[in-house]
Each structure stands twice: as structure tokens, then as C-alpha cells.
PDB file of N, CA and C in Angstrom:
ATOM      1  N   MET A   1      16.255 -47.473  20.364  1.00  0.00           N
ATOM      2  CA  MET A   1      15.883 -46.095  20.582  1.00  0.00           C
ATOM      3  C   MET A   1      14.799 -45.685  19.597  1.00  0.00           C
ATOM      4  N   THR A   2      13.895 -44.903  20.090  1.00  0.00           N
ATOM      5  CA  THR A   2      12.811 -44.438  19.230  1.00  0.00           C
ATOM      6  C   THR A   2      13.245 -43.179  18.495  1.00  0.00           C
ATOM      7  N   VAL A   3      12.518 -42.857  17.468  1.00  0.00           N
ATOM      8  CA  VAL A   3      12.798 -41.641  16.702  1.00  0.00           C
ATOM      9  C   VAL A   3      12.653 -40.412  17.589  1.00  0.00           C
ATOM     10  N   ALA A   4      11.663 -40.409  18.457  1.00  0.00           N
ATOM     11  CA  ALA A   4      11.432 -39.265  19.344  1.00  0.00           C
ATOM     12  C   ALA A   4      12.613 -39.053  20.280  1.00  0.00           C
ATOM     13  N   SER A   5      13.175 -40.122  20.815  1.00  0.00           N
ATOM     14  CA  SER A   5      14.308 -39.960  21.733  1.00  0.00           C
ATOM     15  C   SER A   5      15.554 -39.505  20.989  1.00  0.00           C
ATOM     16  N   LEU A   6      15.738 -39.965  19.750  1.00  0.00           N
ATOM     17  CA  LEU A   6      16.870 -39.496  18.946  1.00  0.00           C
ATOM     18  C   LEU A   6      16.745 -38.006  18.648  1.00  0.00           C
ATOM     19  N   LEU A   7      15.547 -37.585  18.298  1.00  0.00           N
ATOM     20  CA  LEU A   7      15.319 -36.157  18.049  1.00  0.00           C
ATOM     21  C   LEU A   7      15.541 -35.337  19.309  1.00  0.00           C
ATOM     22  N   ALA A   8      15.097 -35.838  20.435  1.00  0.00           N
ATOM     23  CA  ALA A   8      15.285 -35.126  21.701  1.00  0.00           C
ATOM     24  C   ALA A   8      16.764 -34.970  22.009  1.00  0.00           C
ATOM     25  N   GLN A   9      17.563 -36.011  21.785  1.00  0.00           N
ATOM     26  CA  GLN A   9      19.003 -35.927  22.032  1.00  0.00           C
ATOM     27  C   GLN A   9      19.652 -34.932  21.076  1.00  0.00           C
ATOM     28  N   GLU A  10      19.247 -34.965  19.809  1.00  0.00           N
ATOM     29  CA  GLU A  10      19.806 -34.050  18.816  1.00  0.00           C
ATOM     30  C   GLU A  10      19.480 -32.600  19.185  1.00  0.00           C
ATOM     31  N   TRP A  11      18.281 -32.347  19.633  1.00  0.00           N
ATOM     32  CA  TRP A  11      17.878 -30.997  20.005  1.00  0.00           C
ATOM     33  C   TRP A  11      18.648 -30.529  21.228  1.00  0.00           C
ATOM     34  N   MET A  12      18.924 -31.440  22.149  1.00  0.00           N
ATOM     35  CA  MET A  12      19.690 -31.076  23.341  1.00  0.00           C
ATOM     36  C   MET A  12      21.098 -30.650  22.948  1.00  0.00           C
ATOM     37  N   VAL A  13      21.689 -31.319  21.980  1.00  0.00           N
ATOM     38  CA  VAL A  13      23.022 -30.950  21.514  1.00  0.00           C
ATOM     39  C   VAL A  13      22.983 -29.556  20.908  1.00  0.00           C
ATOM     40  N   ILE A  14      21.981 -29.280  20.087  1.00  0.00           N
ATOM     41  CA  ILE A  14      21.855 -27.960  19.470  1.00  0.00           C
ATOM     42  C   ILE A  14      21.657 -26.894  20.538  1.00  0.00           C
ATOM     43  N   ILE A  15      20.814 -27.154  21.488  1.00  0.00           N
ATOM     44  CA  ILE A  15      20.498 -26.162  22.510  1.00  0.00           C
ATOM     45  C   ILE A  15      21.699 -25.896  23.416  1.00  0.00           C
ATOM     46  N   ASN A  16      22.521 -26.895  23.699  1.00  0.00           N
ATOM     47  CA  ASN A  16      23.646 -26.735  24.614  1.00  0.00           C
ATOM     48  C   ASN A  16      24.891 -26.144  23.962  1.00  0.00           C
ATOM     49  N   LYS A  17      24.847 -25.790  22.698  1.00  0.00           N
ATOM     50  CA  LYS A  17      26.006 -25.190  22.038  1.00  0.00           C
ATOM     51  C   LYS A  17      26.202 -23.766  22.529  1.00  0.00           C
ATOM     52  N   VAL A  18      27.464 -23.338  22.560  1.00  0.00           N
ATOM     53  CA  VAL A  18      27.808 -21.984  22.974  1.00  0.00           C
ATOM     54  C   VAL A  18      27.434 -21.024  21.847  1.00  0.00           C
ATOM     55  N   GLY A  19      26.964 -19.848  22.221  1.00  0.00           N
ATOM     56  CA  GLY A  19      26.620 -18.835  21.229  1.00  0.00           C
ATOM     57  C   GLY A  19      25.182 -18.397  21.387  1.00  0.00           C
ATOM     58  N   ARG A  20      24.696 -17.796  20.348  1.00  0.00           N
ATOM     59  CA  ARG A  20      23.333 -17.280  20.361  1.00  0.00           C
ATOM     60  C   ARG A  20      22.341 -18.435  20.443  1.00  0.00           C
ATOM     61  N   PRO A  21      21.361 -18.353  21.351  1.00  0.00           N
ATOM     62  CA  PRO A  21      20.391 -19.445  21.478  1.00  0.00           C
ATOM     63  C   PRO A  21      19.524 -19.556  20.230  1.00  0.00           C
ATOM     64  N   ILE A  22      19.141 -20.756  19.936  1.00  0.00           N
ATOM     65  CA  ILE A  22      18.302 -21.028  18.777  1.00  0.00           C
ATOM     66  C   ILE A  22      16.862 -21.134  19.244  1.00  0.00           C
ATOM     67  N   SER A  23      16.001 -20.386  18.598  1.00  0.00           N
ATOM     68  CA  SER A  23      14.585 -20.453  18.933  1.00  0.00           C
ATOM     69  C   SER A  23      13.970 -21.658  18.242  1.00  0.00           C
ATOM     70  N   LEU A  24      13.251 -22.435  19.003  1.00  0.00           N
ATOM     71  CA  LEU A  24      12.604 -23.616  18.442  1.00  0.00           C
ATOM     72  C   LEU A  24      11.164 -23.348  18.049  1.00  0.00           C
ATOM     73  N   THR A  25      10.721 -22.117  18.244  1.00  0.00           N
ATOM     74  CA  THR A  25       9.365 -21.754  17.855  1.00  0.00           C
ATOM     75  C   THR A  25       9.436 -20.632  16.840  1.00  0.00           C
ATOM     76  N   ASN A  26       8.414 -20.508  16.049  1.00  0.00           N
ATOM     77  CA  ASN A  26       8.331 -19.450  15.059  1.00  0.00           C
ATOM     78  C   ASN A  26       7.453 -18.343  15.623  1.00  0.00           C
ATOM     79  N   LYS A  27       8.068 -17.330  16.181  1.00  0.00           N
ATOM     80  CA  LYS A  27       7.309 -16.216  16.760  1.00  0.00           C
ATOM     81  C   LYS A  27       6.980 -15.218  15.656  1.00  0.00           C
ATOM     82  N   GLN A  28       5.715 -15.064  15.373  1.00  0.00           N
ATOM     83  CA  GLN A  28       5.288 -14.129  14.349  1.00  0.00           C
ATOM     84  C   GLN A  28       5.473 -12.704  14.847  1.00  0.00           C
ATOM     85  N   GLY A  29       6.043 -11.848  13.997  1.00  0.00           N
ATOM     86  CA  GLY A  29       6.189 -10.446  14.343  1.00  0.00           C
ATOM     87  C   GLY A  29       7.346 -10.150  15.268  1.00  0.00           C
ATOM     88  N   SER A  30       8.146 -11.148  15.620  1.00  0.00           N
ATOM     89  CA  SER A  30       9.245 -10.900  16.541  1.00  0.00           C
ATOM     90  C   SER A  30      10.395 -10.183  15.854  1.00  0.00           C
ATOM     91  N   ALA A  31      10.566 -10.388  14.569  1.00  0.00           N
ATOM     92  CA  ALA A  31      11.646  -9.733  13.843  1.00  0.00           C
ATOM     93  C   ALA A  31      11.170  -9.398  12.436  1.00  0.00           C
ATOM     94  N   LYS A  32      11.490  -8.188  12.005  1.00  0.00           N
ATOM     95  CA  LYS A  32      11.137  -7.777  10.651  1.00  0.00           C
ATOM     96  C   LYS A  32      12.216  -8.250   9.693  1.00  0.00           C
ATOM     97  N   THR A  33      11.810  -8.429   8.478  1.00  0.00           N
ATOM     98  CA  THR A  33      12.800  -8.705   7.452  1.00  0.00           C
ATOM     99  C   THR A  33      13.378  -7.373   6.994  1.00  0.00           C
ATOM    100  N   GLU A  34      14.524  -7.431   6.364  1.00  0.00           N
ATOM    101  CA  GLU A  34      15.143  -6.209   5.867  1.00  0.00           C
ATOM    102  C   GLU A  34      14.257  -5.540   4.825  1.00  0.00           C
ATOM    103  N   ALA A  35      13.603  -6.330   4.003  1.00  0.00           N
ATOM    104  CA  ALA A  35      12.727  -5.775   2.968  1.00  0.00           C
ATOM    105  C   ALA A  35      11.583  -4.975   3.586  1.00  0.00           C
ATOM    106  N   VAL A  36      10.996  -5.494   4.654  1.00  0.00           N
ATOM    107  CA  VAL A  36       9.896  -4.789   5.327  1.00  0.00           C
ATOM    108  C   VAL A  36      10.413  -3.496   5.950  1.00  0.00           C
ATOM    109  N   ALA A  37      11.558  -3.565   6.607  1.00  0.00           N
ATOM    110  CA  ALA A  37      12.130  -2.372   7.235  1.00  0.00           C
ATOM    111  C   ALA A  37      12.459  -1.312   6.184  1.00  0.00           C
ATOM    112  N   MET A  38      13.039  -1.722   5.060  1.00  0.00           N
ATOM    113  CA  MET A  38      13.394  -0.762   4.014  1.00  0.00           C
ATOM    114  C   MET A  38      12.147  -0.136   3.399  1.00  0.00           C
ATOM    115  N   GLU A  39      11.084  -0.914   3.269  1.00  0.00           N
ATOM    116  CA  GLU A  39       9.834  -0.372   2.737  1.00  0.00           C
ATOM    117  C   GLU A  39       9.265   0.683   3.682  1.00  0.00           C
ATOM    118  N   GLU A  40       9.308   0.409   4.981  1.00  0.00           N
ATOM    119  CA  GLU A  40       8.805   1.371   5.964  1.00  0.00           C
ATOM    120  C   GLU A  40       9.637   2.649   5.959  1.00  0.00           C
ATOM    121  N   TRP A  41      10.967   2.515   5.914  1.00  0.00           N
ATOM    122  CA  TRP A  41      11.825   3.706   5.898  1.00  0.00           C
ATOM    123  C   TRP A  41      11.695   4.454   4.581  1.00  0.00           C
ATOM    124  N   GLY A  42      11.472   3.736   3.484  1.00  0.00           N
ATOM    125  CA  GLY A  42      11.237   4.394   2.201  1.00  0.00           C
ATOM    126  C   GLY A  42       9.973   5.229   2.234  1.00  0.00           C
ATOM    127  N   LEU A  43       8.936   4.713   2.880  1.00  0.00           N
ATOM    128  CA  LEU A  43       7.692   5.461   3.036  1.00  0.00           C
ATOM    129  C   LEU A  43       7.928   6.718   3.872  1.00  0.00           C
ATOM    130  N   GLU A  44       8.698   6.595   4.940  1.00  0.00           N
ATOM    131  CA  GLU A  44       9.002   7.757   5.786  1.00  0.00           C
ATOM    132  C   GLU A  44       9.787   8.812   5.004  1.00  0.00           C
ATOM    133  N   ALA A  45      10.761   8.374   4.203  1.00  0.00           N
ATOM    134  CA  ALA A  45      11.539   9.307   3.383  1.00  0.00           C
ATOM    135  C   ALA A  45      10.636  10.002   2.367  1.00  0.00           C
ATOM    136  N   SER A  46       9.726   9.243   1.776  1.00  0.00           N
ATOM    137  CA  SER A  46       8.776   9.801   0.825  1.00  0.00           C
ATOM    138  C   SER A  46       7.924  10.886   1.476  1.00  0.00           C
ATOM    139  N   LEU A  47       7.455  10.611   2.680  1.00  0.00           N
ATOM    140  CA  LEU A  47       6.635  11.593   3.395  1.00  0.00           C
ATOM    141  C   LEU A  47       7.429  12.850   3.737  1.00  0.00           C
ATOM    142  N   MET A  48       8.703  12.700   4.062  1.00  0.00           N
ATOM    143  CA  MET A  48       9.539  13.870   4.364  1.00  0.00           C
ATOM    144  C   MET A  48       9.636  14.794   3.152  1.00  0.00           C
ATOM    145  N   VAL A  49       9.889  14.215   1.984  1.00  0.00           N
ATOM    146  CA  VAL A  49      10.004  15.019   0.763  1.00  0.00           C
ATOM    147  C   VAL A  49       8.660  15.654   0.428  1.00  0.00           C
ATOM    148  N   LYS A  50       7.572  14.896   0.537  1.00  0.00           N
ATOM    149  CA  LYS A  50       6.240  15.434   0.234  1.00  0.00           C
ATOM    150  C   LYS A  50       5.860  16.568   1.182  1.00  0.00           C
ATOM    151  N   ARG A  51       6.185  16.408   2.476  1.00  0.00           N
ATOM    152  CA  ARG A  51       5.880  17.481   3.440  1.00  0.00           C
ATOM    153  C   ARG A  51       6.636  18.756   3.086  1.00  0.00           C
ATOM    154  N   ALA A  52       7.914  18.608   2.743  1.00  0.00           N
ATOM    155  CA  ALA A  52       8.720  19.773   2.379  1.00  0.00           C
ATOM    156  C   ALA A  52       8.163  20.434   1.124  1.00  0.00           C
ATOM    157  N   MET A  53       7.722  19.638   0.156  1.00  0.00           N
ATOM    158  CA  MET A  53       7.126  20.204  -1.057  1.00  0.00           C
ATOM    159  C   MET A  53       5.836  20.949  -0.727  1.00  0.00           C
ATOM    160  N   ARG A  54       5.011  20.355   0.121  1.00  0.00           N
ATOM    161  CA  ARG A  54       3.745  20.991   0.492  1.00  0.00           C
ATOM    162  C   ARG A  54       3.992  22.304   1.229  1.00  0.00           C
ATOM    163  N   GLU A  55       4.968  22.321   2.140  1.00  0.00           N
ATOM    164  CA  GLU A  55       5.274  23.540   2.894  1.00  0.00           C
ATOM    165  C   GLU A  55       5.727  24.668   1.983  1.00  0.00           C
ATOM    166  N   ARG A  56       6.410  24.337   0.880  1.00  0.00           N
ATOM    167  CA  ARG A  56       6.893  25.355  -0.058  1.00  0.00           C
ATOM    168  C   ARG A  56       5.874  25.660  -1.139  1.00  0.00           C
ATOM    169  N   GLY A  57       4.813  24.866  -1.190  1.00  0.00           N
ATOM    170  CA  GLY A  57       3.821  25.063  -2.242  1.00  0.00           C
ATOM    171  C   GLY A  57       4.323  24.601  -3.603  1.00  0.00           C
ATOM    172  N   TRP A  58       5.222  23.633  -3.596  1.00  0.00           N
ATOM    173  CA  TRP A  58       5.803  23.125  -4.832  1.00  0.00           C
ATOM    174  C   TRP A  58       5.076  21.890  -5.319  1.00  0.00           C
ATOM    175  N   GLY A  59       5.086  21.741  -6.636  1.00  0.00           N
ATOM    176  CA  GLY A  59       4.651  20.505  -7.267  1.00  0.00           C
ATOM    177  C   GLY A  59       5.878  19.799  -7.820  1.00  0.00           C
ATOM    178  N   TYR A  60       5.648  18.728  -8.550  1.00  0.00           N
ATOM    179  CA  TYR A  60       6.767  17.960  -9.098  1.00  0.00           C
ATOM    180  C   TYR A  60       7.504  18.731 -10.191  1.00  0.00           C
ATOM    181  N   GLN A  61       6.814  19.618 -10.896  1.00  0.00           N
ATOM    182  CA  GLN A  61       7.477  20.414 -11.935  1.00  0.00           C
ATOM    183  C   GLN A  61       8.506  21.360 -11.316  1.00  0.00           C
ATOM    184  N   GLU A  62       8.138  22.031 -10.222  1.00  0.00           N
ATOM    185  CA  GLU A  62       9.084  22.938  -9.556  1.00  0.00           C
ATOM    186  C   GLU A  62      10.281  22.167  -9.008  1.00  0.00           C
ATOM    187  N   LEU A  63      10.020  21.000  -8.453  1.00  0.00           N
ATOM    188  CA  LEU A  63      11.115  20.179  -7.933  1.00  0.00           C
ATOM    189  C   LEU A  63      12.023  19.730  -9.070  1.00  0.00           C
ATOM    190  N   SER A  64      11.440  19.315 -10.176  1.00  0.00           N
ATOM    191  CA  SER A  64      12.223  18.895 -11.338  1.00  0.00           C
ATOM    192  C   SER A  64      13.111  20.029 -11.831  1.00  0.00           C
ATOM    193  N   ASP A  65      12.545  21.228 -11.927  1.00  0.00           N
ATOM    194  CA  ASP A  65      13.312  22.390 -12.378  1.00  0.00           C
ATOM    195  C   ASP A  65      14.455  22.718 -11.419  1.00  0.00           C
ATOM    196  N   ALA A  66      14.203  22.606 -10.121  1.00  0.00           N
ATOM    197  CA  ALA A  66      15.220  22.940  -9.119  1.00  0.00           C
ATOM    198  C   ALA A  66      16.342  21.904  -9.074  1.00  0.00           C
ATOM    199  N   LEU A  67      16.041  20.655  -9.410  1.00  0.00           N
ATOM    200  CA  LEU A  67      17.061  19.602  -9.386  1.00  0.00           C
ATOM    201  C   LEU A  67      17.961  19.630 -10.622  1.00  0.00           C
ATOM    202  N   GLN A  68      17.509  20.254 -11.697  1.00  0.00           N
ATOM    203  CA  GLN A  68      18.281  20.297 -12.947  1.00  0.00           C
ATOM    204  C   GLN A  68      19.700  20.844 -12.750  1.00  0.00           C
ATOM    205  N   PRO A  69      19.892  21.998 -12.081  1.00  0.00           N
ATOM    206  CA  PRO A  69      21.257  22.519 -11.904  1.00  0.00           C
ATOM    207  C   PRO A  69      22.178  21.594 -11.108  1.00  0.00           C
ATOM    208  N   LEU A  70      21.605  20.698 -10.324  1.00  0.00           N
ATOM    209  CA  LEU A  70      22.417  19.747  -9.563  1.00  0.00           C
ATOM    210  C   LEU A  70      22.795  18.530 -10.407  1.00  0.00           C
ATOM    211  N   GLY A  71      22.308  18.487 -11.640  1.00  0.00           N
ATOM    212  CA  GLY A  71      22.608  17.368 -12.519  1.00  0.00           C
ATOM    213  C   GLY A  71      21.593  16.245 -12.448  1.00  0.00           C
ATOM    214  N   ILE A  72      20.513  16.454 -11.718  1.00  0.00           N
ATOM    215  CA  ILE A  72      19.465  15.436 -11.615  1.00  0.00           C
ATOM    216  C   ILE A  72      18.358  15.822 -12.584  1.00  0.00           C
ATOM    217  N   LYS A  73      18.366  15.167 -13.723  1.00  0.00           N
ATOM    218  CA  LYS A  73      17.419  15.496 -14.783  1.00  0.00           C
ATOM    219  C   LYS A  73      16.361  14.401 -14.855  1.00  0.00           C
ATOM    220  N   ARG A  74      15.253  14.634 -14.188  1.00  0.00           N
ATOM    221  CA  ARG A  74      14.145  13.676 -14.152  1.00  0.00           C
ATOM    222  C   ARG A  74      12.858  14.408 -14.519  1.00  0.00           C
ATOM    223  N   SER A  75      12.023  13.746 -15.269  1.00  0.00           N
ATOM    224  CA  SER A  75      10.738  14.344 -15.633  1.00  0.00           C
ATOM    225  C   SER A  75       9.827  14.362 -14.413  1.00  0.00           C
ATOM    226  N   THR A  76       8.770  15.138 -14.505  1.00  0.00           N
ATOM    227  CA  THR A  76       7.825  15.210 -13.388  1.00  0.00           C
ATOM    228  C   THR A  76       7.176  13.852 -13.135  1.00  0.00           C
ATOM    229  N   ALA A  77       6.898  13.097 -14.192  1.00  0.00           N
ATOM    230  CA  ALA A  77       6.278  11.770 -14.027  1.00  0.00           C
ATOM    231  C   ALA A  77       7.214  10.818 -13.292  1.00  0.00           C
ATOM    232  N   VAL A  78       8.498  10.854 -13.628  1.00  0.00           N
ATOM    233  CA  VAL A  78       9.474   9.984 -12.963  1.00  0.00           C
ATOM    234  C   VAL A  78       9.619  10.385 -11.497  1.00  0.00           C
ATOM    235  N   LEU A  79       9.695  11.692 -11.227  1.00  0.00           N
ATOM    236  CA  LEU A  79       9.788  12.155  -9.835  1.00  0.00           C
ATOM    237  C   LEU A  79       8.561  11.733  -9.040  1.00  0.00           C
ATOM    238  N   ASN A  80       7.396  11.883  -9.646  1.00  0.00           N
ATOM    239  CA  ASN A  80       6.155  11.499  -8.979  1.00  0.00           C
ATOM    240  C   ASN A  80       6.186  10.023  -8.586  1.00  0.00           C
ATOM    241  N   ARG A  81       6.516   9.155  -9.542  1.00  0.00           N
ATOM    242  CA  ARG A  81       6.566   7.715  -9.251  1.00  0.00           C
ATOM    243  C   ARG A  81       7.618   7.392  -8.204  1.00  0.00           C
ATOM    244  N   ARG A  82       8.803   7.956  -8.372  1.00  0.00           N
ATOM    245  CA  ARG A  82       9.907   7.633  -7.467  1.00  0.00           C
ATOM    246  C   ARG A  82       9.591   8.076  -6.039  1.00  0.00           C
ATOM    247  N   ILE A  83       9.075   9.274  -5.878  1.00  0.00           N
ATOM    248  CA  ILE A  83       8.779   9.792  -4.535  1.00  0.00           C
ATOM    249  C   ILE A  83       7.588   9.060  -3.926  1.00  0.00           C
ATOM    250  N   ASN A  84       6.554   8.801  -4.704  1.00  0.00           N
ATOM    251  CA  ASN A  84       5.389   8.095  -4.159  1.00  0.00           C
ATOM    252  C   ASN A  84       5.704   6.668  -3.747  1.00  0.00           C
ATOM    253  N   ARG A  85       6.606   6.025  -4.448  1.00  0.00           N
ATOM    254  CA  ARG A  85       6.995   4.660  -4.080  1.00  0.00           C
ATOM    255  C   ARG A  85       8.007   4.636  -2.941  1.00  0.00           C
ATOM    256  N   GLY A  86       8.676   5.774  -2.712  1.00  0.00           N
ATOM    257  CA  GLY A  86       9.740   5.791  -1.712  1.00  0.00           C
ATOM    258  C   GLY A  86      10.956   5.033  -2.201  1.00  0.00           C
ATOM    259  N   ASN A  87      11.074   4.936  -3.521  1.00  0.00           N
ATOM    260  CA  ASN A  87      12.133   4.144  -4.140  1.00  0.00           C
ATOM    261  C   ASN A  87      13.249   5.067  -4.626  1.00  0.00           C
ATOM    262  N   PHE A  88      14.045   5.577  -3.688  1.00  0.00           N
ATOM    263  CA  PHE A  88      15.148   6.453  -4.064  1.00  0.00           C
ATOM    264  C   PHE A  88      16.253   6.362  -3.029  1.00  0.00           C
ATOM    265  N   SER A  89      17.420   6.834  -3.433  1.00  0.00           N
ATOM    266  CA  SER A  89      18.590   6.749  -2.563  1.00  0.00           C
ATOM    267  C   SER A  89      18.594   7.896  -1.558  1.00  0.00           C
ATOM    268  N   ALA A  90      19.450   7.760  -0.572  1.00  0.00           N
ATOM    269  CA  ALA A  90      19.617   8.826   0.416  1.00  0.00           C
ATOM    270  C   ALA A  90      20.158  10.081  -0.265  1.00  0.00           C
ATOM    271  N   GLY A  91      21.021   9.906  -1.252  1.00  0.00           N
ATOM    272  CA  GLY A  91      21.567  11.051  -1.983  1.00  0.00           C
ATOM    273  C   GLY A  91      20.484  11.832  -2.706  1.00  0.00           C
ATOM    274  N   PHE A  92      19.548  11.127  -3.331  1.00  0.00           N
ATOM    275  CA  PHE A  92      18.441  11.786  -4.018  1.00  0.00           C
ATOM    276  C   PHE A  92      17.580  12.549  -3.022  1.00  0.00           C
ATOM    277  N   MET A  93      17.301  11.926  -1.882  1.00  0.00           N
ATOM    278  CA  MET A  93      16.488  12.584  -0.857  1.00  0.00           C
ATOM    279  C   MET A  93      17.174  13.853  -0.358  1.00  0.00           C
ATOM    280  N   LEU A  94      18.482  13.767  -0.106  1.00  0.00           N
ATOM    281  CA  LEU A  94      19.216  14.942   0.364  1.00  0.00           C
ATOM    282  C   LEU A  94      19.221  16.046  -0.683  1.00  0.00           C
ATOM    283  N   ALA A  95      19.338  15.682  -1.955  1.00  0.00           N
ATOM    284  CA  ALA A  95      19.296  16.686  -3.021  1.00  0.00           C
ATOM    285  C   ALA A  95      17.935  17.377  -3.049  1.00  0.00           C
ATOM    286  N   CYS A  96      16.868  16.601  -2.930  1.00  0.00           N
ATOM    287  CA  CYS A  96      15.515  17.183  -2.909  1.00  0.00           C
ATOM    288  C   CYS A  96      15.348  18.130  -1.727  1.00  0.00           C
ATOM    289  N   LEU A  97      15.728  17.664  -0.546  1.00  0.00           N
ATOM    290  CA  LEU A  97      15.578  18.501   0.645  1.00  0.00           C
ATOM    291  C   LEU A  97      16.471  19.736   0.568  1.00  0.00           C
ATOM    292  N   HIS A  98      17.638  19.597  -0.063  1.00  0.00           N
ATOM    293  CA  HIS A  98      18.544  20.740  -0.224  1.00  0.00           C
ATOM    294  C   HIS A  98      17.900  21.831  -1.076  1.00  0.00           C
ATOM    295  N   VAL A  99      17.362  21.452  -2.242  1.00  0.00           N
ATOM    296  CA  VAL A  99      16.768  22.481  -3.102  1.00  0.00           C
ATOM    297  C   VAL A  99      15.504  23.054  -2.477  1.00  0.00           C
ATOM    298  N   LEU A 100      14.768  22.246  -1.753  1.00  0.00           N
ATOM    299  CA  LEU A 100      13.569  22.752  -1.084  1.00  0.00           C
ATOM    300  C   LEU A 100      13.946  23.705   0.046  1.00  0.00           C
ATOM    301  N   GLN A 101      14.983  23.390   0.809  1.00  0.00           N
ATOM    302  CA  GLN A 101      15.449  24.263   1.890  1.00  0.00           C
ATOM    303  C   GLN A 101      16.066  25.531   1.318  1.00  0.00           C
ATOM    304  N   GLN A 102      16.832  25.389   0.241  1.00  0.00           N
ATOM    305  CA  GLN A 102      17.478  26.532  -0.388  1.00  0.00           C
ATOM    306  C   GLN A 102      16.431  27.532  -0.848  1.00  0.00           C
ATOM    307  N   ASN A 103      15.359  27.043  -1.417  1.00  0.00           N
ATOM    308  CA  ASN A 103      14.286  27.917  -1.865  1.00  0.00           C
ATOM    309  C   ASN A 103      13.643  28.630  -0.688  1.00  0.00           C
ATOM    310  N   GLU A 104      13.479  27.936   0.428  1.00  0.00           N
ATOM    311  CA  GLU A 104      12.878  28.550   1.610  1.00  0.00           C
ATOM    312  C   GLU A 104      13.769  29.666   2.149  1.00  0.00           C
ATOM    313  N   ASP A 105      15.082  29.425   2.187  1.00  0.00           N
ATOM    314  CA  ASP A 105      16.016  30.433   2.671  1.00  0.00           C
ATOM    315  C   ASP A 105      15.998  31.666   1.783  1.00  0.00           C
ATOM    316  N   GLN A 106      15.968  31.474   0.462  1.00  0.00           N
ATOM    317  CA  GLN A 106      15.950  32.599  -0.461  1.00  0.00           C
ATOM    318  C   GLN A 106      14.653  33.385  -0.348  1.00  0.00           C
ATOM    319  N   SER A 107      13.532  32.714  -0.204  1.00  0.00           N
ATOM    320  CA  SER A 107      12.262  33.433  -0.092  1.00  0.00           C
ATOM    321  C   SER A 107      12.190  34.185   1.227  1.00  0.00           C
ATOM    322  N   SER A 108      12.805  33.646   2.292  1.00  0.00           N
ATOM    323  CA  SER A 108      12.840  34.351   3.569  1.00  0.00           C
ATOM    324  C   SER A 108      13.673  35.615   3.459  1.00  0.00           C
ATOM    325  N   LEU A 109      14.789  35.535   2.745  1.00  0.00           N
ATOM    326  CA  LEU A 109      15.638  36.706   2.574  1.00  0.00           C
ATOM    327  C   LEU A 109      14.942  37.764   1.729  1.00  0.00           C
ATOM    328  N   GLN A 110      14.241  37.327   0.691  1.00  0.00           N
ATOM    329  CA  GLN A 110      13.533  38.268  -0.166  1.00  0.00           C
ATOM    330  C   GLN A 110      12.402  38.955   0.586  1.00  0.00           C
ATOM    331  N   ALA A 111      11.809  38.272   1.533  1.00  0.00           N
ATOM    332  CA  ALA A 111      10.712  38.848   2.306  1.00  0.00           C
ATOM    333  C   ALA A 111      11.236  39.683   3.473  1.00  0.00           C
ATOM    334  N   GLY A 112      12.566  39.758   3.626  1.00  0.00           N
ATOM    335  CA  GLY A 112      13.151  40.531   4.710  1.00  0.00           C
ATOM    336  C   GLY A 112      13.170  39.801   6.032  1.00  0.00           C
ATOM    337  N   LYS A 113      12.957  38.503   6.015  1.00  0.00           N
ATOM    338  CA  LYS A 113      12.956  37.718   7.240  1.00  0.00           C
ATOM    339  C   LYS A 113      14.342  37.146   7.477  1.00  0.00           C
ATOM    340  N   SER A 114      14.698  37.030   8.723  1.00  0.00           N
ATOM    341  CA  SER A 114      15.953  36.387   9.075  1.00  0.00           C
ATOM    342  C   SER A 114      15.748  34.881   9.071  1.00  0.00           C
ATOM    343  N   ILE A 115      16.739  34.160   8.555  1.00  0.00           N
ATOM    344  CA  ILE A 115      16.635  32.707   8.571  1.00  0.00           C
ATOM    345  C   ILE A 115      17.289  32.132   9.815  1.00  0.00           C
ATOM    346  N   ARG A 116      17.908  32.979  10.614  1.00  0.00           N
ATOM    347  CA  ARG A 116      18.528  32.526  11.854  1.00  0.00           C
ATOM    348  C   ARG A 116      17.542  32.672  13.001  1.00  0.00           C
ATOM    349  N   PRO A 117      17.566  31.723  13.922  1.00  0.00           N
ATOM    350  CA  PRO A 117      16.676  31.863  15.085  1.00  0.00           C
ATOM    351  C   PRO A 117      17.140  33.005  15.978  1.00  0.00           C
ATOM    352  N   ASP A 118      16.198  33.686  16.596  1.00  0.00           N
ATOM    353  CA  ASP A 118      16.554  34.805  17.487  1.00  0.00           C
ATOM    354  C   ASP A 118      17.063  34.336  18.817  1.00  0.00           C
TER     355      ASP A 118
END
């Protein structure tokens, strides 16, 4: 038997096994790695926080001050790096969005606007 025929028989055994089929080709772009997916979602989370800050007219100093009562004591430089990299937990993101939303609700009430939809 030749090496090629032995390999062909071995591949047939692998292919005929029950379960998920094994791809014998390397398809580029067919599946993302977890690291790539997490980087993309981190970027999206970063953009969400930045958009909320822009809508409120806040900088990193205002965000830092607002997070202090929640027990999140980070300098403006640390917040800047963390948010720009998208390197933060879901809890941190929720805390940021909470203080940004809370500020919006309070400013709406002070301006005499209803925060409830009509």
C-alpha cells in the first residue's frame, strides 16, 4: 500500500464518524476567534459610553466625579484609557450608563420636562 492510499483510508474513517463533520479545508473568515469577537464588542461598548457622554456634554472628569459615589474611584486618565480601549466589564459599563442616564433624568426634571413618553 502506498502512503497516499493509507492517508485516504484514514481520512475516510475520520469523515465517516458520527458527530459534527470535520472540515478538511481552512476557510478564511468562516469563524471568528473569541478574542476578535470580544475586541469588536468592546469597541461597541466603548462607543455606547462615548455617545452617552457626548449627548450629556460630559468629559472624563464629570464621569469620574459621578462614579465616585458608586464606589468607582478612577482618575480621568484611567477612565480615558479604559473607555478608549473598550477594556472594561459589563458592570463598569452599566455604572457609567447609569450615572449618565441619571444626570439626564435630573436635568430634564429641573428644566420642567417630563421624562416619561407621552
